[in-house]
Protein backbone atom coordinates (compact mmCIF):
# COMPACT_ATOMS: atom_id res chain seq x y z
CA MET A 1 -51.35 76.81 51.24
CA MET A 2 -53.37 73.57 51.00
CA VAL A 3 -56.52 75.61 50.51
CA LYS A 4 -54.89 77.64 47.74
CA THR A 5 -53.70 74.51 45.90
CA SER A 6 -57.14 72.93 46.15
CA PHE A 7 -58.70 76.17 44.89
CA LEU A 8 -56.40 76.26 41.84
CA ASN A 9 -57.10 72.63 41.02
CA MET A 10 -60.76 73.56 40.50
CA PHE A 11 -59.64 75.56 37.47
CA VAL A 12 -56.71 73.68 36.00
CA LYS A 13 -57.66 70.01 35.82
CA SER A 14 -60.60 70.04 33.44
CA PRO A 15 -58.85 71.48 30.32
CA PHE A 16 -56.13 68.84 30.45
CA LYS A 17 -58.58 65.96 30.66
CA ARG A 18 -60.46 67.47 27.75
CA ILE A 19 -57.25 67.56 25.71
CA GLU A 20 -56.82 63.84 26.43
CA SER A 21 -60.39 63.20 25.26
CA HIS A 22 -59.70 65.14 22.08
CA MET A 23 -56.67 62.93 21.41
CA ASP A 24 -58.87 59.86 21.87
CA VAL A 25 -61.07 61.03 18.99
CA VAL A 26 -57.99 61.74 16.87
CA GLN A 27 -56.84 58.15 17.46
CA LEU A 28 -60.24 56.79 16.43
CA CYS A 29 -59.83 58.69 13.17
CA LEU A 30 -56.37 57.18 12.60
CA ALA A 31 -57.61 53.69 13.45
CA GLU A 32 -59.67 53.61 10.24
CA LEU A 33 -56.65 54.22 7.99
CA PRO A 34 -55.23 50.65 7.78
CA ASP A 35 -58.51 49.15 6.54
CA PHE A 36 -59.02 52.12 4.22
CA PHE A 37 -55.52 51.70 2.79
CA GLU A 38 -56.09 47.96 2.30
CA ALA A 39 -59.38 48.65 0.52
CA CYS A 40 -57.55 51.00 -1.86
CA LEU A 41 -54.84 48.42 -2.53
CA ASN A 42 -57.59 45.90 -3.37
CA GLU A 43 -59.42 48.53 -5.45
CA ASP A 44 -62.54 47.98 -3.35
CA TRP A 45 -63.83 51.50 -3.82
CA VAL A 46 -67.22 50.82 -2.21
CA LEU A 47 -65.54 49.84 1.07
CA ALA A 48 -62.99 52.63 0.63
CA GLU A 49 -65.77 55.20 0.36
CA GLU A 50 -67.47 53.83 3.49
CA LEU A 51 -64.24 54.07 5.46
CA TYR A 52 -63.46 57.49 4.02
CA GLN A 53 -66.82 58.72 5.30
CA LYS A 54 -66.00 57.36 8.78
CA ILE A 55 -62.65 59.14 8.76
CA SER A 56 -64.28 62.37 7.64
CA THR A 57 -66.97 62.12 10.35
CA LEU A 58 -64.40 61.47 13.08
CA GLU A 59 -62.25 64.35 11.85
CA SER A 60 -65.29 66.63 12.12
CA GLN A 61 -65.91 65.37 15.66
CA ALA A 62 -62.30 66.16 16.54
CA ASP A 63 -62.77 69.67 15.14
CA GLN A 64 -65.92 70.21 17.19
CA GLN A 65 -64.24 68.96 20.33
CA LYS A 66 -61.23 71.18 19.67
CA ARG A 67 -63.46 74.26 19.54
CA LYS A 68 -65.05 73.32 22.88
CA VAL A 69 -61.65 72.78 24.49
CA ARG A 70 -60.36 76.09 23.13
CA LEU A 71 -63.30 77.89 24.73
CA LYS A 72 -62.66 76.08 28.01
CA ILE A 73 -58.99 77.07 27.96
CA HIS A 74 -59.77 80.69 27.09
CA HIS A 75 -62.31 80.94 29.92
CA SER A 76 -60.15 79.22 32.56
CA LEU A 77 -59.09 81.75 35.19
CA TYR A 78 -55.92 79.94 36.19
CA LEU A 79 -53.56 77.69 34.25
CA PRO A 80 -50.17 76.45 35.48
CA VAL A 81 -48.80 76.55 31.92
CA SER A 82 -48.72 78.99 29.04
CA ARG A 83 -52.22 79.33 27.59
CA SER A 84 -50.87 79.87 24.06
CA GLU A 85 -48.61 76.82 24.23
CA LEU A 86 -51.44 74.68 25.55
CA LEU A 87 -53.57 75.83 22.62
CA SER A 88 -50.68 74.98 20.29
CA LEU A 89 -50.62 71.44 21.68
CA LEU A 90 -54.34 71.13 20.99
CA ASP A 91 -53.89 72.43 17.43
CA ILE A 92 -51.06 69.96 16.76
CA GLN A 93 -53.27 67.08 17.90
CA ASP A 94 -56.05 68.28 15.64
CA GLN A 95 -53.68 68.53 12.69
CA ILE A 96 -53.06 64.78 12.97
CA ALA A 97 -56.76 64.12 12.36
CA ASN A 98 -56.71 66.62 9.49
CA ILE A 99 -53.79 64.79 7.87
CA ALA A 100 -55.63 61.47 8.21
CA GLU A 101 -58.57 62.95 6.34
CA ASP A 102 -56.22 64.48 3.74
CA ILE A 103 -54.75 61.03 3.07
CA ALA A 104 -58.23 59.53 2.68
CA VAL A 105 -59.40 62.34 0.38
CA LEU A 106 -56.27 62.08 -1.74
CA MET A 107 -56.41 58.31 -2.16
CA PHE A 108 -60.17 57.99 -2.64
CA SER A 109 -60.74 60.96 -4.93
CA ARG A 110 -57.86 59.90 -7.18
CA LYS A 111 -58.63 56.16 -6.76
CA ILE A 112 -55.00 55.57 -5.79
CA SER A 113 -53.99 51.91 -5.78
CA LEU A 114 -50.28 51.48 -5.19
CA PRO A 115 -48.91 48.55 -7.21
CA GLY A 116 -46.76 45.67 -5.99
CA GLU A 117 -43.66 46.42 -3.94
CA LEU A 118 -44.52 50.11 -3.81
CA GLY A 119 -47.79 49.32 -2.04
CA LYS A 120 -45.95 47.17 0.52
CA ASN A 121 -43.41 49.92 1.20
CA VAL A 122 -46.05 52.60 1.63
CA LYS A 123 -48.11 50.33 3.88
CA ALA A 124 -45.02 49.77 6.06
CA LEU A 125 -44.62 53.56 6.27
CA LEU A 126 -48.29 53.96 7.19
CA MET A 127 -48.14 51.41 10.00
CA GLN A 128 -44.96 52.98 11.38
CA SER A 129 -46.54 56.44 11.25
CA LEU A 130 -49.58 55.14 13.13
CA SER A 131 -47.31 53.61 15.78
CA THR A 132 -45.63 57.00 16.13
CA ALA A 133 -49.01 58.69 16.53
CA GLN A 134 -49.99 56.14 19.17
CA LYS A 135 -46.83 56.96 21.12
CA ALA A 136 -47.73 60.65 20.77
CA LYS A 137 -51.05 59.86 22.46
CA GLN A 138 -49.19 58.33 25.40
CA VAL A 139 -47.06 61.46 25.61
CA SER A 140 -50.08 63.77 25.47
CA ASN A 141 -51.83 61.75 28.18
CA GLU A 142 -48.96 62.53 30.56
CA LEU A 143 -50.04 66.17 30.74
CA SER A 144 -52.53 65.79 33.59
CA ASP A 145 -50.03 63.89 35.73
CA LEU A 146 -47.36 66.47 34.99
CA VAL A 147 -49.68 69.22 36.19
CA ASP A 148 -50.54 67.27 39.35
CA THR A 149 -46.84 66.77 40.19
CA GLY A 150 -45.79 70.31 39.33
CA PHE A 151 -43.74 69.21 36.28
CA LYS A 152 -41.07 67.47 38.31
CA GLY A 153 -39.97 64.16 39.83
CA LEU A 154 -40.52 60.68 38.43
CA THR A 155 -43.44 61.75 36.25
CA LEU A 156 -41.31 64.28 34.39
CA ARG A 157 -38.50 61.75 33.88
CA SER A 158 -41.00 59.14 32.67
CA THR A 159 -42.49 61.66 30.23
CA ARG A 160 -39.09 62.56 28.85
CA ASN A 161 -38.36 58.87 28.28
CA LEU A 162 -41.63 58.54 26.38
CA ILE A 163 -40.71 61.57 24.29
CA ASN A 164 -37.33 60.01 23.46
CA ASP A 165 -39.18 56.86 22.35
CA LEU A 166 -41.46 59.04 20.24
CA TYR A 167 -38.50 60.69 18.54
CA ALA A 168 -36.97 57.26 17.80
CA LEU A 169 -40.19 56.08 16.18
CA GLU A 170 -40.35 59.22 14.07
CA ASP A 171 -36.78 58.62 12.90
CA GLN A 172 -37.80 55.13 11.79
CA SER A 173 -40.72 56.64 9.89
CA ASP A 174 -38.30 58.95 8.08
CA GLN A 175 -36.27 55.94 6.99
CA LEU A 176 -39.35 54.12 5.70
CA GLN A 177 -40.48 57.26 3.89
CA TYR A 178 -37.11 57.37 2.13
CA ILE A 179 -37.53 53.70 1.11
CA ALA A 180 -41.05 54.34 -0.21
CA ARG A 181 -39.96 57.38 -2.22
CA SER A 182 -36.93 55.53 -3.59
CA SER A 183 -39.16 52.62 -4.61
CA LEU A 184 -41.44 54.98 -6.49
CA TYR A 185 -38.53 56.81 -8.11
CA ALA A 186 -37.08 53.54 -9.39
CA GLN A 187 -40.25 52.71 -11.34
CA GLU A 188 -41.94 56.06 -11.94
CA ASN A 189 -41.29 55.89 -15.71
CA GLN A 190 -43.67 52.92 -15.89
CA PHE A 191 -46.69 54.96 -14.80
CA LYS A 192 -48.68 57.99 -15.83
CA VAL A 193 -47.14 61.28 -14.74
CA LEU A 194 -50.23 62.40 -12.78
CA ASP A 195 -50.39 59.07 -10.95
CA VAL A 196 -46.75 59.42 -9.92
CA ILE A 197 -47.33 62.97 -8.67
CA PHE A 198 -50.25 61.87 -6.52
CA TRP A 199 -48.35 58.84 -5.21
CA TYR A 200 -45.55 61.14 -4.06
CA LYS A 201 -48.14 63.35 -2.37
CA CYS A 202 -49.63 60.31 -0.66
CA ILE A 203 -46.23 59.23 0.67
CA ASP A 204 -45.49 62.75 1.91
CA LYS A 205 -48.86 63.01 3.67
CA ILE A 206 -48.34 59.71 5.47
CA GLY A 207 -44.91 60.93 6.53
CA GLU A 208 -46.53 64.09 7.92
CA LEU A 209 -48.41 61.96 10.46
CA SER A 210 -45.09 61.12 12.12
CA ASP A 211 -43.76 64.65 11.79
CA MET A 212 -46.83 66.08 13.52
CA SER A 213 -46.70 63.37 16.19
CA ARG A 214 -43.10 64.31 16.97
CA ARG A 215 -44.23 67.92 17.46
CA ILE A 216 -46.49 66.78 20.31
CA GLY A 217 -43.40 65.62 22.18
CA THR A 218 -41.60 68.88 21.48
CA GLN A 219 -44.60 70.89 22.59
CA LEU A 220 -44.90 68.98 25.84
CA LEU A 221 -41.22 69.64 26.54
CA LEU A 222 -41.89 73.34 26.05
CA LEU A 223 -44.84 73.20 28.42
CA SER A 224 -42.85 71.36 31.09
CA SER A 225 -39.90 73.74 30.89
CA ARG A 226 -41.85 76.86 31.90
């Protein structure tokens, strides 16, 4: 039995570590957003473009890494979890990087600078969404330990606690998104219609970061329940 377990470990460990590495690149992409957002608020479009290019490059790196991990998962002979659900987890992680780039494209291409109180409210939403994504990274990083322990015991309970924390952070993001949208609604008549439309899109995209982060927790629960 010991020999069999050791034999299986040769096939199952590598994909999970690669998924963690992919999430590391996703987080590097997200880490550029606060400075990018601040540059847009200050209408420093030279710095904003530089940071946008960094975000775009990191998003491309995440895409490349995702393709390599997908190939590794497809070619693995043995996996202790559903192959399709593991691929779904990888895709959800990658979507977070995609959303980060979408936010940067939207704000830079339209030269979005959110005025006054609205800017403060959207920045608060952004920072909360990034905190939620950081918690999602902690959740995703539990996968290797869950595999090693057979999805049971203290590791599983610890992971579920992390997921509950993740859900709580996402709920807070929803509240801040409501505040940001309400702030915009209260003063939208003061601005150009197209600007208002793009500001709403910006708020929604930032909110999507938290929504997608929450899905990582849900996906890990699905993986651990099989």
